[in-house]
Amino acid sequence: MSKALLTLPPDLRHSNAAACLAKLQAQIRNCPDSEVQIQAGQLTDFDSSALAVLLGCRREAESLSKTLKFKQFPAKLRELALLYGVSELLVESA
């Protein structure tokens, strides 16, 4: 299975979330690979908009029958996902 690797920016807040989502969705759409990985290891400055971006990417991948995997969530992002009740939708892969 071929896979693509996308990376979240270090700063992902409400002010840049729409642009980030649009960029990632376009990358998912244009990617010929059947599996897409989103790496969040560089993410240091974020708010709940980061969750909205990740969920939007998940919806995009599902609409194209692509597998989406998440990698390297910062601990605070995991906590935020749990707090908002979306952690089961944003499961990290090994």
Protein backbone atom coordinates (compact mmCIF):
# COMPACT_ATOMS: atom_id res chain seq x y z
CA MET A 1 0.00 0.00 0.00
CA SER A 2 1.39 3.33 -1.02
CA LYS A 3 1.17 6.20 1.47
CA ALA A 4 1.64 9.95 1.59
CA LEU A 5 2.90 11.97 4.54
CA LEU A 6 1.37 15.36 5.32
CA THR A 7 2.56 17.59 8.16
CA LEU A 8 0.69 20.01 10.39
CA PRO A 9 2.28 23.42 10.83
CA PRO A 10 3.79 24.42 14.20
CA ASP A 11 1.01 27.00 14.72
CA LEU A 12 -2.59 25.96 14.13
CA ARG A 13 -5.18 28.30 15.60
CA HIS A 14 -8.51 29.72 14.55
CA SER A 15 -6.78 32.45 12.53
CA ASN A 16 -5.13 30.02 10.11
CA ALA A 17 -7.28 26.89 10.48
CA ALA A 18 -9.41 27.40 7.36
CA ALA A 19 -6.35 27.90 5.15
CA CYS A 20 -4.60 24.91 6.70
CA LEU A 21 -7.65 22.69 6.21
CA ALA A 22 -8.06 23.76 2.59
CA LYS A 23 -4.39 23.02 1.89
CA LEU A 24 -4.49 19.60 3.56
CA GLN A 25 -7.76 18.65 1.87
CA ALA A 26 -6.30 19.56 -1.52
CA GLN A 27 -3.22 17.47 -0.76
CA ILE A 28 -5.42 14.52 0.22
CA ARG A 29 -7.53 14.90 -2.96
CA ASN A 30 -4.50 15.22 -5.23
CA CYS A 31 -2.55 12.40 -3.64
CA PRO A 32 -2.56 9.23 -5.72
CA ASP A 33 -1.77 7.13 -2.64
CA SER A 34 -4.44 5.06 -0.92
CA GLU A 35 -3.09 5.84 2.55
CA VAL A 36 -2.42 9.31 3.90
CA GLN A 37 -0.60 10.02 7.14
CA ILE A 38 -0.84 13.30 8.98
CA GLN A 39 2.07 14.00 11.26
CA ALA A 40 1.49 16.42 14.15
CA GLY A 41 4.94 16.28 15.74
CA GLN A 42 5.76 19.91 14.87
CA LEU A 43 2.50 21.24 16.32
CA THR A 44 3.34 23.42 19.33
CA ASP A 45 0.90 26.33 19.35
CA PHE A 46 -2.74 25.34 18.78
CA ASP A 47 -6.32 25.59 19.97
CA SER A 48 -9.44 23.49 19.38
CA SER A 49 -9.37 24.53 15.72
CA ALA A 50 -6.64 21.92 15.27
CA LEU A 51 -9.22 19.24 16.07
CA ALA A 52 -11.60 20.70 13.49
CA VAL A 53 -8.83 20.58 10.88
CA LEU A 54 -8.02 16.96 11.67
CA LEU A 55 -11.69 15.96 11.57
CA GLY A 56 -12.08 17.78 8.24
CA CYS A 57 -9.14 15.84 6.86
CA ARG A 58 -10.67 12.62 8.11
CA ARG A 59 -13.95 13.40 6.33
CA GLU A 60 -12.08 14.25 3.11
CA ALA A 61 -10.12 11.01 3.16
CA GLU A 62 -13.23 8.95 3.90
CA SER A 63 -15.11 10.60 1.02
CA LEU A 64 -12.31 9.45 -1.29
CA SER A 65 -12.09 5.96 0.25
CA LYS A 66 -8.58 6.65 1.47
CA THR A 67 -7.11 5.50 4.75
CA LEU A 68 -6.04 8.34 7.03
CA LYS A 69 -3.61 7.77 9.88
CA PHE A 70 -2.42 10.21 12.50
CA LYS A 71 1.10 10.29 13.95
CA GLN A 72 2.98 12.08 16.72
CA PHE A 73 0.18 13.90 18.52
CA PRO A 74 1.48 16.21 21.23
CA ALA A 75 0.14 15.21 24.67
CA LYS A 76 -1.94 18.40 24.89
CA LEU A 77 -3.63 17.61 21.57
CA ARG A 78 -4.55 14.14 22.87
CA GLU A 79 -5.98 15.75 26.02
CA LEU A 80 -7.96 18.27 23.97
CA ALA A 81 -9.41 15.49 21.79
CA LEU A 82 -10.45 13.61 24.91
CA LEU A 83 -12.00 16.74 26.42
CA TYR A 84 -14.04 17.39 23.26
CA GLY A 85 -15.07 13.74 22.95
CA VAL A 86 -13.43 13.13 19.59
CA SER A 87 -10.44 11.02 20.63
CA GLU A 88 -12.00 7.85 19.15
CA LEU A 89 -12.16 9.62 15.77
CA LEU A 90 -8.52 10.72 15.86
CA VAL A 91 -6.72 7.54 16.83
CA GLU A 92 -2.96 7.66 16.44
CA SER A 93 -1.28 4.85 14.56
CA ALA A 94 2.04 3.38 15.54
